[in-house]
PDB file of N, CA and C in Angstrom:
ATOM      1  N   MET A   1     -25.095   6.523 -23.303  1.00  0.00           N
ATOM      2  CA  MET A   1     -25.544   5.440 -24.155  1.00  0.00           C
ATOM      3  C   MET A   1     -26.135   6.029 -25.438  1.00  0.00           C
ATOM      4  N   ARG A   2     -25.729   5.480 -26.569  1.00  0.00           N
ATOM      5  CA  ARG A   2     -26.260   5.944 -27.843  1.00  0.00           C
ATOM      6  C   ARG A   2     -27.736   5.569 -27.960  1.00  0.00           C
ATOM      7  N   ALA A   3     -28.475   6.329 -28.747  1.00  0.00           N
ATOM      8  CA  ALA A   3     -29.912   6.073 -28.925  1.00  0.00           C
ATOM      9  C   ALA A   3     -30.152   4.665 -29.453  1.00  0.00           C
ATOM     10  N   LYS A   4     -29.341   4.221 -30.396  1.00  0.00           N
ATOM     11  CA  LYS A   4     -29.484   2.875 -30.957  1.00  0.00           C
ATOM     12  C   LYS A   4     -29.296   1.812 -29.875  1.00  0.00           C
ATOM     13  N   ASP A   5     -28.301   2.001 -29.018  1.00  0.00           N
ATOM     14  CA  ASP A   5     -28.049   1.056 -27.934  1.00  0.00           C
ATOM     15  C   ASP A   5     -29.199   1.041 -26.941  1.00  0.00           C
ATOM     16  N   ALA A   6     -29.761   2.216 -26.666  1.00  0.00           N
ATOM     17  CA  ALA A   6     -30.893   2.305 -25.733  1.00  0.00           C
ATOM     18  C   ALA A   6     -32.109   1.573 -26.294  1.00  0.00           C
ATOM     19  N   VAL A   7     -32.352   1.706 -27.588  1.00  0.00           N
ATOM     20  CA  VAL A   7     -33.477   1.013 -28.225  1.00  0.00           C
ATOM     21  C   VAL A   7     -33.262  -0.499 -28.132  1.00  0.00           C
ATOM     22  N   GLY A   8     -32.049  -0.951 -28.413  1.00  0.00           N
ATOM     23  CA  GLY A   8     -31.728  -2.375 -28.321  1.00  0.00           C
ATOM     24  C   GLY A   8     -31.891  -2.917 -26.914  1.00  0.00           C
ATOM     25  N   ALA A   9     -31.418  -2.165 -25.923  1.00  0.00           N
ATOM     26  CA  ALA A   9     -31.546  -2.588 -24.521  1.00  0.00           C
ATOM     27  C   ALA A   9     -33.018  -2.661 -24.121  1.00  0.00           C
ATOM     28  N   TYR A  10     -33.806  -1.697 -24.582  1.00  0.00           N
ATOM     29  CA  TYR A  10     -35.244  -1.716 -24.299  1.00  0.00           C
ATOM     30  C   TYR A  10     -35.874  -2.979 -24.892  1.00  0.00           C
ATOM     31  N   GLY A  11     -35.552  -3.283 -26.140  1.00  0.00           N
ATOM     32  CA  GLY A  11     -36.095  -4.472 -26.790  1.00  0.00           C
ATOM     33  C   GLY A  11     -35.730  -5.744 -26.058  1.00  0.00           C
ATOM     34  N   GLU A  12     -34.513  -5.820 -25.564  1.00  0.00           N
ATOM     35  CA  GLU A  12     -34.096  -7.014 -24.811  1.00  0.00           C
ATOM     36  C   GLU A  12     -34.862  -7.135 -23.498  1.00  0.00           C
ATOM     37  N   ARG A  13     -35.109  -6.018 -22.831  1.00  0.00           N
ATOM     38  CA  ARG A  13     -35.913  -6.070 -21.597  1.00  0.00           C
ATOM     39  C   ARG A  13     -37.331  -6.552 -21.892  1.00  0.00           C
ATOM     40  N   VAL A  14     -37.915  -6.056 -22.978  1.00  0.00           N
ATOM     41  CA  VAL A  14     -39.255  -6.483 -23.386  1.00  0.00           C
ATOM     42  C   VAL A  14     -39.252  -7.983 -23.695  1.00  0.00           C
ATOM     43  N   ALA A  15     -38.241  -8.442 -24.418  1.00  0.00           N
ATOM     44  CA  ALA A  15     -38.144  -9.855 -24.790  1.00  0.00           C
ATOM     45  C   ALA A  15     -37.996 -10.748 -23.561  1.00  0.00           C
ATOM     46  N   VAL A  16     -37.147 -10.357 -22.633  1.00  0.00           N
ATOM     47  CA  VAL A  16     -36.942 -11.149 -21.422  1.00  0.00           C
ATOM     48  C   VAL A  16     -38.238 -11.239 -20.620  1.00  0.00           C
ATOM     49  N   ARG A  17     -38.964 -10.142 -20.532  1.00  0.00           N
ATOM     50  CA  ARG A  17     -40.255 -10.150 -19.828  1.00  0.00           C
ATOM     51  C   ARG A  17     -41.236 -11.106 -20.514  1.00  0.00           C
ATOM     52  N   LEU A  18     -41.283 -11.067 -21.844  1.00  0.00           N
ATOM     53  CA  LEU A  18     -42.159 -11.948 -22.606  1.00  0.00           C
ATOM     54  C   LEU A  18     -41.803 -13.412 -22.367  1.00  0.00           C
ATOM     55  N   LEU A  19     -40.526 -13.732 -22.437  1.00  0.00           N
ATOM     56  CA  LEU A  19     -40.080 -15.112 -22.244  1.00  0.00           C
ATOM     57  C   LEU A  19     -40.409 -15.604 -20.837  1.00  0.00           C
ATOM     58  N   ALA A  20     -40.177 -14.761 -19.842  1.00  0.00           N
ATOM     59  CA  ALA A  20     -40.509 -15.131 -18.456  1.00  0.00           C
ATOM     60  C   ALA A  20     -42.011 -15.349 -18.304  1.00  0.00           C
ATOM     61  N   ASP A  21     -42.814 -14.502 -18.931  1.00  0.00           N
ATOM     62  CA  ASP A  21     -44.270 -14.661 -18.879  1.00  0.00           C
ATOM     63  C   ASP A  21     -44.718 -15.967 -19.520  1.00  0.00           C
ATOM     64  N   GLN A  22     -43.928 -16.479 -20.454  1.00  0.00           N
ATOM     65  CA  GLN A  22     -44.244 -17.744 -21.105  1.00  0.00           C
ATOM     66  C   GLN A  22     -43.705 -18.942 -20.325  1.00  0.00           C
ATOM     67  N   GLY A  23     -43.098 -18.677 -19.166  1.00  0.00           N
ATOM     68  CA  GLY A  23     -42.613 -19.755 -18.315  1.00  0.00           C
ATOM     69  C   GLY A  23     -41.179 -20.178 -18.567  1.00  0.00           C
ATOM     70  N   LEU A  24     -40.458 -19.440 -19.403  1.00  0.00           N
ATOM     71  CA  LEU A  24     -39.058 -19.775 -19.653  1.00  0.00           C
ATOM     72  C   LEU A  24     -38.170 -19.138 -18.591  1.00  0.00           C
ATOM     73  N   GLU A  25     -37.108 -19.826 -18.257  1.00  0.00           N
ATOM     74  CA  GLU A  25     -36.128 -19.318 -17.292  1.00  0.00           C
ATOM     75  C   GLU A  25     -34.945 -18.750 -18.066  1.00  0.00           C
ATOM     76  N   VAL A  26     -34.661 -17.482 -17.873  1.00  0.00           N
ATOM     77  CA  VAL A  26     -33.538 -16.852 -18.574  1.00  0.00           C
ATOM     78  C   VAL A  26     -32.238 -17.291 -17.899  1.00  0.00           C
ATOM     79  N   LEU A  27     -31.374 -17.902 -18.695  1.00  0.00           N
ATOM     80  CA  LEU A  27     -30.087 -18.387 -18.188  1.00  0.00           C
ATOM     81  C   LEU A  27     -28.963 -17.396 -18.423  1.00  0.00           C
ATOM     82  N   ALA A  28     -29.059 -16.638 -19.522  1.00  0.00           N
ATOM     83  CA  ALA A  28     -27.994 -15.693 -19.848  1.00  0.00           C
ATOM     84  C   ALA A  28     -28.539 -14.590 -20.744  1.00  0.00           C
ATOM     85  N   ARG A  29     -27.927 -13.419 -20.615  1.00  0.00           N
ATOM     86  CA  ARG A  29     -28.215 -12.289 -21.500  1.00  0.00           C
ATOM     87  C   ARG A  29     -26.890 -11.791 -22.040  1.00  0.00           C
ATOM     88  N   ASN A  30     -26.881 -11.492 -23.323  1.00  0.00           N
ATOM     89  CA  ASN A  30     -25.691 -10.953 -23.982  1.00  0.00           C
ATOM     90  C   ASN A  30     -24.455 -11.819 -23.750  1.00  0.00           C
ATOM     91  N   TRP A  31     -24.613 -13.131 -23.932  1.00  0.00           N
ATOM     92  CA  TRP A  31     -23.490 -14.064 -23.781  1.00  0.00           C
ATOM     93  C   TRP A  31     -22.577 -13.936 -24.991  1.00  0.00           C
ATOM     94  N   ARG A  32     -21.281 -13.780 -24.722  1.00  0.00           N
ATOM     95  CA  ARG A  32     -20.309 -13.550 -25.794  1.00  0.00           C
ATOM     96  C   ARG A  32     -19.214 -14.601 -25.796  1.00  0.00           C
ATOM     97  N   CYS A  33     -18.755 -14.862 -27.012  1.00  0.00           N
ATOM     98  CA  CYS A  33     -17.564 -15.695 -27.214  1.00  0.00           C
ATOM     99  C   CYS A  33     -16.889 -15.184 -28.481  1.00  0.00           C
ATOM    100  N   ALA A  34     -15.871 -15.869 -28.949  1.00  0.00           N
ATOM    101  CA  ALA A  34     -15.131 -15.413 -30.123  1.00  0.00           C
ATOM    102  C   ALA A  34     -15.988 -15.376 -31.392  1.00  0.00           C
ATOM    103  N   VAL A  35     -17.026 -16.194 -31.452  1.00  0.00           N
ATOM    104  CA  VAL A  35     -17.880 -16.272 -32.644  1.00  0.00           C
ATOM    105  C   VAL A  35     -18.875 -15.118 -32.707  1.00  0.00           C
ATOM    106  N   GLY A  36     -19.266 -14.583 -31.552  1.00  0.00           N
ATOM    107  CA  GLY A  36     -20.244 -13.494 -31.525  1.00  0.00           C
ATOM    108  C   GLY A  36     -21.008 -13.448 -30.222  1.00  0.00           C
ATOM    109  N   GLU A  37     -22.255 -13.012 -30.297  1.00  0.00           N
ATOM    110  CA  GLU A  37     -23.062 -12.799 -29.092  1.00  0.00           C
ATOM    111  C   GLU A  37     -24.460 -13.380 -29.271  1.00  0.00           C
ATOM    112  N   ILE A  38     -24.959 -13.974 -28.201  1.00  0.00           N
ATOM    113  CA  ILE A  38     -26.340 -14.434 -28.144  1.00  0.00           C
ATOM    114  C   ILE A  38     -27.080 -13.465 -27.234  1.00  0.00           C
ATOM    115  N   ASP A  39     -28.195 -12.927 -27.721  1.00  0.00           N
ATOM    116  CA  ASP A  39     -28.942 -11.949 -26.931  1.00  0.00           C
ATOM    117  C   ASP A  39     -29.509 -12.561 -25.654  1.00  0.00           C
ATOM    118  N   VAL A  40     -30.213 -13.684 -25.789  1.00  0.00           N
ATOM    119  CA  VAL A  40     -30.834 -14.323 -24.623  1.00  0.00           C
ATOM    120  C   VAL A  40     -30.739 -15.836 -24.774  1.00  0.00           C
ATOM    121  N   VAL A  41     -30.385 -16.501 -23.684  1.00  0.00           N
ATOM    122  CA  VAL A  41     -30.442 -17.956 -23.605  1.00  0.00           C
ATOM    123  C   VAL A  41     -31.452 -18.277 -22.514  1.00  0.00           C
ATOM    124  N   ALA A  42     -32.432 -19.116 -22.855  1.00  0.00           N
ATOM    125  CA  ALA A  42     -33.486 -19.438 -21.897  1.00  0.00           C
ATOM    126  C   ALA A  42     -33.696 -20.944 -21.845  1.00  0.00           C
ATOM    127  N   LEU A  43     -34.345 -21.382 -20.773  1.00  0.00           N
ATOM    128  CA  LEU A  43     -34.611 -22.802 -20.573  1.00  0.00           C
ATOM    129  C   LEU A  43     -36.100 -23.022 -20.408  1.00  0.00           C
ATOM    130  N   ASP A  44     -36.625 -23.955 -21.185  1.00  0.00           N
ATOM    131  CA  ASP A  44     -37.994 -24.420 -21.010  1.00  0.00           C
ATOM    132  C   ASP A  44     -37.886 -25.745 -20.268  1.00  0.00           C
ATOM    133  N   ARG A  45     -38.027 -25.707 -18.953  1.00  0.00           N
ATOM    134  CA  ARG A  45     -37.840 -26.909 -18.117  1.00  0.00           C
ATOM    135  C   ARG A  45     -38.841 -28.005 -18.468  1.00  0.00           C
ATOM    136  N   ASP A  46     -40.060 -27.630 -18.819  1.00  0.00           N
ATOM    137  CA  ASP A  46     -41.090 -28.625 -19.136  1.00  0.00           C
ATOM    138  C   ASP A  46     -40.701 -29.478 -20.334  1.00  0.00           C
ATOM    139  N   ARG A  47     -39.982 -28.890 -21.268  1.00  0.00           N
ATOM    140  CA  ARG A  47     -39.607 -29.606 -22.497  1.00  0.00           C
ATOM    141  C   ARG A  47     -38.131 -30.009 -22.528  1.00  0.00           C
ATOM    142  N   ASP A  48     -37.379 -29.690 -21.464  1.00  0.00           N
ATOM    143  CA  ASP A  48     -35.935 -29.908 -21.442  1.00  0.00           C
ATOM    144  C   ASP A  48     -35.326 -29.344 -22.724  1.00  0.00           C
ATOM    145  N   GLU A  49     -35.637 -28.056 -22.968  1.00  0.00           N
ATOM    146  CA  GLU A  49     -35.241 -27.400 -24.205  1.00  0.00           C
ATOM    147  C   GLU A  49     -34.531 -26.087 -23.894  1.00  0.00           C
ATOM    148  N   VAL A  50     -33.348 -25.912 -24.497  1.00  0.00           N
ATOM    149  CA  VAL A  50     -32.638 -24.646 -24.386  1.00  0.00           C
ATOM    150  C   VAL A  50     -33.022 -23.818 -25.610  1.00  0.00           C
ATOM    151  N   VAL A  51     -33.397 -22.577 -25.362  1.00  0.00           N
ATOM    152  CA  VAL A  51     -33.862 -21.677 -26.414  1.00  0.00           C
ATOM    153  C   VAL A  51     -32.872 -20.523 -26.553  1.00  0.00           C
ATOM    154  N   PHE A  52     -32.345 -20.372 -27.754  1.00  0.00           N
ATOM    155  CA  PHE A  52     -31.430 -19.285 -28.059  1.00  0.00           C
ATOM    156  C   PHE A  52     -32.240 -18.226 -28.797  1.00  0.00           C
ATOM    157  N   VAL A  53     -32.229 -17.004 -28.266  1.00  0.00           N
ATOM    158  CA  VAL A  53     -33.134 -15.966 -28.765  1.00  0.00           C
ATOM    159  C   VAL A  53     -32.351 -14.787 -29.324  1.00  0.00           C
ATOM    160  N   GLU A  54     -32.676 -14.448 -30.562  1.00  0.00           N
ATOM    161  CA  GLU A  54     -32.161 -13.234 -31.191  1.00  0.00           C
ATOM    162  C   GLU A  54     -33.253 -12.181 -31.057  1.00  0.00           C
ATOM    163  N   VAL A  55     -32.908 -11.040 -30.486  1.00  0.00           N
ATOM    164  CA  VAL A  55     -33.871  -9.949 -30.310  1.00  0.00           C
ATOM    165  C   VAL A  55     -33.544  -8.866 -31.326  1.00  0.00           C
ATOM    166  N   LYS A  56     -34.542  -8.481 -32.100  1.00  0.00           N
ATOM    167  CA  LYS A  56     -34.385  -7.407 -33.073  1.00  0.00           C
ATOM    168  C   LYS A  56     -35.394  -6.324 -32.743  1.00  0.00           C
ATOM    169  N   THR A  57     -34.909  -5.113 -32.529  1.00  0.00           N
ATOM    170  CA  THR A  57     -35.761  -3.993 -32.141  1.00  0.00           C
ATOM    171  C   THR A  57     -35.593  -2.853 -33.138  1.00  0.00           C
ATOM    172  N   ARG A  58     -36.709  -2.284 -33.520  1.00  0.00           N
ATOM    173  CA  ARG A  58     -36.712  -1.129 -34.418  1.00  0.00           C
ATOM    174  C   ARG A  58     -37.701  -0.102 -33.880  1.00  0.00           C
ATOM    175  N   ARG A  59     -37.493   1.157 -34.261  1.00  0.00           N
ATOM    176  CA  ARG A  59     -38.430   2.222 -33.882  1.00  0.00           C
ATOM    177  C   ARG A  59     -39.512   2.418 -34.934  1.00  0.00           C
ATOM    178  N   SER A  60     -39.277   1.895 -36.146  1.00  0.00           N
ATOM    179  CA  SER A  60     -40.273   1.998 -37.211  1.00  0.00           C
ATOM    180  C   SER A  60     -40.030   0.850 -38.191  1.00  0.00           C
ATOM    181  N   THR A  61     -40.921   0.735 -39.151  1.00  0.00           N
ATOM    182  CA  THR A  61     -40.757  -0.282 -40.187  1.00  0.00           C
ATOM    183  C   THR A  61     -40.206   0.332 -41.477  1.00  0.00           C
ATOM    184  N   ALA A  62     -39.621   1.509 -41.383  1.00  0.00           N
ATOM    185  CA  ALA A  62     -39.080   2.189 -42.567  1.00  0.00           C
ATOM    186  C   ALA A  62     -38.056   1.318 -43.302  1.00  0.00           C
ATOM    187  N   TYR A  63     -37.320   0.506 -42.558  1.00  0.00           N
ATOM    188  CA  TYR A  63     -36.336  -0.389 -43.168  1.00  0.00           C
ATOM    189  C   TYR A  63     -36.791  -1.842 -43.075  1.00  0.00           C
ATOM    190  N   GLY A  64     -38.102  -2.054 -42.935  1.00  0.00           N
ATOM    191  CA  GLY A  64     -38.647  -3.405 -42.861  1.00  0.00           C
ATOM    192  C   GLY A  64     -38.975  -3.815 -41.439  1.00  0.00           C
ATOM    193  N   ASP A  65     -39.613  -4.950 -41.339  1.00  0.00           N
ATOM    194  CA  ASP A  65     -39.968  -5.529 -40.046  1.00  0.00           C
ATOM    195  C   ASP A  65     -38.686  -5.932 -39.309  1.00  0.00           C
ATOM    196  N   PRO A  66     -38.655  -5.782 -37.992  1.00  0.00           N
ATOM    197  CA  PRO A  66     -37.435  -6.155 -37.263  1.00  0.00           C
ATOM    198  C   PRO A  66     -36.990  -7.594 -37.530  1.00  0.00           C
ATOM    199  N   ALA A  67     -37.927  -8.521 -37.649  1.00  0.00           N
ATOM    200  CA  ALA A  67     -37.565  -9.928 -37.860  1.00  0.00           C
ATOM    201  C   ALA A  67     -36.861 -10.153 -39.191  1.00  0.00           C
ATOM    202  N   GLU A  68     -37.107  -9.284 -40.162  1.00  0.00           N
ATOM    203  CA  GLU A  68     -36.463  -9.426 -41.470  1.00  0.00           C
ATOM    204  C   GLU A  68     -34.952  -9.242 -41.393  1.00  0.00           C
ATOM    205  N   ALA A  69     -34.468  -8.661 -40.325  1.00  0.00           N
ATOM    206  CA  ALA A  69     -33.027  -8.456 -40.159  1.00  0.00           C
ATOM    207  C   ALA A  69     -32.307  -9.755 -39.803  1.00  0.00           C
ATOM    208  N   VAL A  70     -33.047 -10.798 -39.481  1.00  0.00           N
ATOM    209  CA  VAL A  70     -32.430 -12.087 -39.162  1.00  0.00           C
ATOM    210  C   VAL A  70     -32.348 -12.889 -40.460  1.00  0.00           C
ATOM    211  N   THR A  71     -31.189 -12.799 -41.076  1.00  0.00           N
ATOM    212  CA  THR A  71     -30.943 -13.419 -42.379  1.00  0.00           C
ATOM    213  C   THR A  71     -30.437 -14.854 -42.208  1.00  0.00           C
ATOM    214  N   ALA A  72     -30.289 -15.548 -43.325  1.00  0.00           N
ATOM    215  CA  ALA A  72     -29.736 -16.900 -43.300  1.00  0.00           C
ATOM    216  C   ALA A  72     -28.322 -16.904 -42.723  1.00  0.00           C
ATOM    217  N   VAL A  73     -27.560 -15.879 -43.031  1.00  0.00           N
ATOM    218  CA  VAL A  73     -26.198 -15.766 -42.494  1.00  0.00           C
ATOM    219  C   VAL A  73     -26.244 -15.609 -40.973  1.00  0.00           C
ATOM    220  N   LYS A  74     -27.161 -14.770 -40.481  1.00  0.00           N
ATOM    221  CA  LYS A  74     -27.300 -14.569 -39.037  1.00  0.00           C
ATOM    222  C   LYS A  74     -27.741 -15.864 -38.361  1.00  0.00           C
ATOM    223  N   LEU A  75     -28.673 -16.603 -38.973  1.00  0.00           N
ATOM    224  CA  LEU A  75     -29.125 -17.881 -38.403  1.00  0.00           C
ATOM    225  C   LEU A  75     -27.984 -18.886 -38.330  1.00  0.00           C
ATOM    226  N   ALA A  76     -27.149 -18.922 -39.351  1.00  0.00           N
ATOM    227  CA  ALA A  76     -25.998 -19.830 -39.331  1.00  0.00           C
ATOM    228  C   ALA A  76     -25.054 -19.473 -38.181  1.00  0.00           C
ATOM    229  N   ARG A  77     -24.842 -18.176 -37.972  1.00  0.00           N
ATOM    230  CA  ARG A  77     -23.993 -17.735 -36.858  1.00  0.00           C
ATOM    231  C   ARG A  77     -24.639 -18.118 -35.520  1.00  0.00           C
ATOM    232  N   LEU A  78     -25.943 -17.959 -35.414  1.00  0.00           N
ATOM    233  CA  LEU A  78     -26.641 -18.322 -34.174  1.00  0.00           C
ATOM    234  C   LEU A  78     -26.519 -19.822 -33.883  1.00  0.00           C
ATOM    235  N   ARG A  79     -26.576 -20.643 -34.923  1.00  0.00           N
ATOM    236  CA  ARG A  79     -26.401 -22.087 -34.723  1.00  0.00           C
ATOM    237  C   ARG A  79     -24.996 -22.386 -34.193  1.00  0.00           C
ATOM    238  N   ARG A  80     -23.991 -21.713 -34.748  1.00  0.00           N
ATOM    239  CA  ARG A  80     -22.614 -21.910 -34.252  1.00  0.00           C
ATOM    240  C   ARG A  80     -22.499 -21.430 -32.807  1.00  0.00           C
ATOM    241  N   LEU A  81     -23.098 -20.278 -32.529  1.00  0.00           N
ATOM    242  CA  LEU A  81     -23.063 -19.748 -31.163  1.00  0.00           C
ATOM    243  C   LEU A  81     -23.763 -20.682 -30.184  1.00  0.00           C
ATOM    244  N   ALA A  82     -24.882 -21.255 -30.601  1.00  0.00           N
ATOM    245  CA  ALA A  82     -25.601 -22.194 -29.737  1.00  0.00           C
ATOM    246  C   ALA A  82     -24.701 -23.373 -29.389  1.00  0.00           C
ATOM    247  N   GLY A  83     -24.008 -23.888 -30.379  1.00  0.00           N
ATOM    248  CA  GLY A  83     -23.077 -24.985 -30.117  1.00  0.00           C
ATOM    249  C   GLY A  83     -21.974 -24.584 -29.156  1.00  0.00           C
ATOM    250  N   GLN A  84     -21.453 -23.367 -29.315  1.00  0.00           N
ATOM    251  CA  GLN A  84     -20.416 -22.860 -28.408  1.00  0.00           C
ATOM    252  C   GLN A  84     -20.944 -22.744 -26.980  1.00  0.00           C
ATOM    253  N   TRP A  85     -22.176 -22.209 -26.839  1.00  0.00           N
ATOM    254  CA  TRP A  85     -22.757 -22.043 -25.500  1.00  0.00           C
ATOM    255  C   TRP A  85     -22.968 -23.401 -24.843  1.00  0.00           C
ATOM    256  N   LEU A  86     -23.519 -24.362 -25.584  1.00  0.00           N
ATOM    257  CA  LEU A  86     -23.762 -25.698 -25.027  1.00  0.00           C
ATOM    258  C   LEU A  86     -22.451 -26.342 -24.585  1.00  0.00           C
ATOM    259  N   ALA A  87     -21.409 -26.211 -25.391  1.00  0.00           N
ATOM    260  CA  ALA A  87     -20.114 -26.793 -25.041  1.00  0.00           C
ATOM    261  C   ALA A  87     -19.517 -26.097 -23.818  1.00  0.00           C
ATOM    262  N   ALA A  88     -19.605 -24.773 -23.778  1.00  0.00           N
ATOM    263  CA  ALA A  88     -19.032 -24.014 -22.661  1.00  0.00           C
ATOM    264  C   ALA A  88     -19.739 -24.317 -21.345  1.00  0.00           C
ATOM    265  N   HIS A  89     -21.005 -24.711 -21.413  1.00  0.00           N
ATOM    266  CA  HIS A  89     -21.778 -24.978 -20.197  1.00  0.00           C
ATOM    267  C   HIS A  89     -22.018 -26.468 -19.975  1.00  0.00           C
ATOM    268  N   ASP A  90     -21.351 -27.309 -20.769  1.00  0.00           N
ATOM    269  CA  ASP A  90     -21.507 -28.762 -20.679  1.00  0.00           C
ATOM    270  C   ASP A  90     -22.986 -29.131 -20.566  1.00  0.00           C
ATOM    271  N   ALA A  91     -23.800 -28.494 -21.407  1.00  0.00           N
ATOM    272  CA  ALA A  91     -25.254 -28.702 -21.388  1.00  0.00           C
ATOM    273  C   ALA A  91     -25.646 -29.727 -22.447  1.00  0.00           C
ATOM    274  N   HIS A  92     -26.571 -30.605 -22.072  1.00  0.00           N
ATOM    275  CA  HIS A  92     -27.040 -31.659 -22.975  1.00  0.00           C
ATOM    276  C   HIS A  92     -28.562 -31.754 -22.918  1.00  0.00           C
ATOM    277  N   PRO A  93     -29.245 -30.701 -23.357  1.00  0.00           N
ATOM    278  CA  PRO A  93     -30.708 -30.731 -23.301  1.00  0.00           C
ATOM    279  C   PRO A  93     -31.282 -31.707 -24.334  1.00  0.00           C
ATOM    280  N   ALA A  94     -32.522 -32.117 -24.107  1.00  0.00           N
ATOM    281  CA  ALA A  94     -33.190 -32.994 -25.065  1.00  0.00           C
ATOM    282  C   ALA A  94     -33.409 -32.275 -26.391  1.00  0.00           C
ATOM    283  N   ARG A  95     -33.669 -30.957 -26.314  1.00  0.00           N
ATOM    284  CA  ARG A  95     -33.949 -30.174 -27.516  1.00  0.00           C
ATOM    285  C   ARG A  95     -33.271 -28.810 -27.432  1.00  0.00           C
ATOM    286  N   VAL A  96     -33.042 -28.255 -28.611  1.00  0.00           N
ATOM    287  CA  VAL A  96     -32.490 -26.905 -28.750  1.00  0.00           C
ATOM    288  C   VAL A  96     -33.300 -26.220 -29.845  1.00  0.00           C
ATOM    289  N   ARG A  97     -33.592 -24.949 -29.644  1.00  0.00           N
ATOM    290  CA  ARG A  97     -34.258 -24.214 -30.727  1.00  0.00           C
ATOM    291  C   ARG A  97     -33.757 -22.777 -30.752  1.00  0.00           C
ATOM    292  N   ILE A  98     -33.944 -22.153 -31.911  1.00  0.00           N
ATOM    293  CA  ILE A  98     -33.584 -20.750 -32.083  1.00  0.00           C
ATOM    294  C   ILE A  98     -34.863 -19.980 -32.364  1.00  0.00           C
ATOM    295  N   ASP A  99     -35.088 -18.940 -31.570  1.00  0.00           N
ATOM    296  CA  ASP A  99     -36.257 -18.083 -31.708  1.00  0.00           C
ATOM    297  C   ASP A  99     -35.819 -16.664 -32.038  1.00  0.00           C
ATOM    298  N   VAL A 100     -36.759 -15.893 -32.552  1.00  0.00           N
ATOM    299  CA  VAL A 100     -36.562 -14.463 -32.763  1.00  0.00           C
ATOM    300  C   VAL A 100     -37.682 -13.740 -32.049  1.00  0.00           C
ATOM    301  N   VAL A 101     -37.330 -12.712 -31.293  1.00  0.00           N
ATOM    302  CA  VAL A 101     -38.329 -11.804 -30.734  1.00  0.00           C
ATOM    303  C   VAL A 101     -38.141 -10.475 -31.446  1.00  0.00           C
ATOM    304  N   ALA A 102     -39.175 -10.085 -32.184  1.00  0.00           N
ATOM    305  CA  ALA A 102     -39.163  -8.835 -32.939  1.00  0.00           C
ATOM    306  C   ALA A 102     -39.944  -7.792 -32.153  1.00  0.00           C
ATOM    307  N   VAL A 103     -39.298  -6.674 -31.867  1.00  0.00           N
ATOM    308  CA  VAL A 103     -39.909  -5.612 -31.064  1.00  0.00           C
ATOM    309  C   VAL A 103     -39.956  -4.339 -31.892  1.00  0.00           C
ATOM    310  N   LEU A 104     -41.155  -3.796 -32.018  1.00  0.00           N
ATOM    311  CA  LEU A 104     -41.334  -2.509 -32.672  1.00  0.00           C
ATOM    312  C   LEU A 104     -41.656  -1.510 -31.570  1.00  0.00           C
ATOM    313  N   ALA A 105     -40.663  -0.687 -31.226  1.00  0.00           N
ATOM    314  CA  ALA A 105     -40.780   0.270 -30.118  1.00  0.00           C
ATOM    315  C   ALA A 105     -41.452   1.533 -30.635  1.00  0.00           C
ATOM    316  N   ARG A 106     -42.682   1.703 -30.299  1.00  0.00           N
ATOM    317  CA  ARG A 106     -43.465   2.861 -30.745  1.00  0.00           C
ATOM    318  C   ARG A 106     -43.098   4.093 -29.919  1.00  0.00           C
ATOM    319  N   THR A 107     -43.268   5.266 -30.510  1.00  0.00           N
ATOM    320  CA  THR A 107     -43.001   6.498 -29.764  1.00  0.00           C
ATOM    321  C   THR A 107     -44.084   6.744 -28.726  1.00  0.00           C
ATOM    322  N   ALA A 108     -45.279   6.216 -28.970  1.00  0.00           N
ATOM    323  CA  ALA A 108     -46.382   6.333 -28.003  1.00  0.00           C
ATOM    324  C   ALA A 108     -47.061   4.975 -27.871  1.00  0.00           C
ATOM    325  N   GLY A 109     -47.371   4.611 -26.665  1.00  0.00           N
ATOM    326  CA  GLY A 109     -48.050   3.337 -26.432  1.00  0.00           C
ATOM    327  C   GLY A 109     -47.078   2.184 -26.276  1.00  0.00           C
ATOM    328  N   PRO A 110     -47.630   1.007 -26.042  1.00  0.00           N
ATOM    329  CA  PRO A 110     -46.776  -0.168 -25.808  1.00  0.00           C
ATOM    330  C   PRO A 110     -46.096  -0.650 -27.088  1.00  0.00           C
ATOM    331  N   ALA A 111     -45.025  -1.347 -26.894  1.00  0.00           N
ATOM    332  CA  ALA A 111     -44.293  -1.921 -28.018  1.00  0.00           C
ATOM    333  C   ALA A 111     -45.124  -3.027 -28.661  1.00  0.00           C
ATOM    334  N   GLN A 112     -44.919  -3.207 -29.948  1.00  0.00           N
ATOM    335  CA  GLN A 112     -45.528  -4.332 -30.665  1.00  0.00           C
ATOM    336  C   GLN A 112     -44.485  -5.446 -30.651  1.00  0.00           C
ATOM    337  N   VAL A 113     -44.853  -6.617 -30.135  1.00  0.00           N
ATOM    338  CA  VAL A 113     -43.894  -7.701 -29.946  1.00  0.00           C
ATOM    339  C   VAL A 113     -44.397  -8.968 -30.636  1.00  0.00           C
ATOM    340  N   ARG A 114     -43.509  -9.609 -31.382  1.00  0.00           N
ATOM    341  CA  ARG A 114     -43.816 -10.900 -31.999  1.00  0.00           C
ATOM    342  C   ARG A 114     -42.731 -11.886 -31.621  1.00  0.00           C
ATOM    343  N   HIS A 115     -43.153 -13.084 -31.189  1.00  0.00           N
ATOM    344  CA  HIS A 115     -42.223 -14.149 -30.825  1.00  0.00           C
ATOM    345  C   HIS A 115     -42.315 -15.222 -31.893  1.00  0.00           C
ATOM    346  N   LEU A 116     -41.269 -15.353 -32.679  1.00  0.00           N
ATOM    347  CA  LEU A 116     -41.206 -16.359 -33.746  1.00  0.00           C
ATOM    348  C   LEU A 116     -40.384 -17.535 -33.212  1.00  0.00           C
ATOM    349  N   LYS A 117     -41.042 -18.674 -33.071  1.00  0.00           N
ATOM    350  CA  LYS A 117     -40.384 -19.839 -32.479  1.00  0.00           C
ATOM    351  C   LYS A 117     -39.812 -20.761 -33.542  1.00  0.00           C
ATOM    352  N   ALA A 118     -38.685 -21.368 -33.190  1.00  0.00           N
ATOM    353  CA  ALA A 118     -38.034 -22.384 -34.026  1.00  0.00           C
ATOM    354  C   ALA A 118     -37.812 -21.882 -35.456  1.00  0.00           C
ATOM    355  N   VAL A 119     -37.104 -20.769 -35.572  1.00  0.00           N
ATOM    356  CA  VAL A 119     -36.871 -20.179 -36.892  1.00  0.00           C
ATOM    357  C   VAL A 119     -35.675 -20.791 -37.620  1.00  0.00           C
ATOM    358  N   GLY A 120     -34.811 -21.462 -36.896  1.00  0.00           N
ATOM    359  CA  GLY A 120     -33.644 -22.006 -37.585  1.00  0.00           C
ATOM    360  C   GLY A 120     -32.944 -23.076 -36.848  1.00  0.00           C
TER     361      GLY A 120
END
C-alpha cells in the first residue's frame, strides 16, 4: 500500500469511529459507481437523515487545511453521487446532507479531527 493510500485509509477509520461515536450508523464505505466514490454513507435514525461524508486526510497543513480540498466542483460531484446512491438503494429519507470530516494525521499524538456538517 502506498503511503498516501495508508494515510487516507487511516483518516477514513478515524472518521467512521467519530461518526459511530455520534450515534450514526455506517451504511457503506468507499461506495463506487460510474460517477465516482463516496467515502462514507451513514444514517442518523433519529432524524431519518442519510449523511454522505467526504473524508479528507493530510499529514500537515503545508498545502492547506484538509477541508479546503473539498471544492465547489467536488461538492457538485458529491451531490450527484448522493442521488446515485439513493436511487441504487431505493432510499427515501426525510433528509439528506453532505458532511466533511477533515483529519490531520500528526506524526506524534492523536489526529486532529473536525466534522463539518451540512457543507453542501
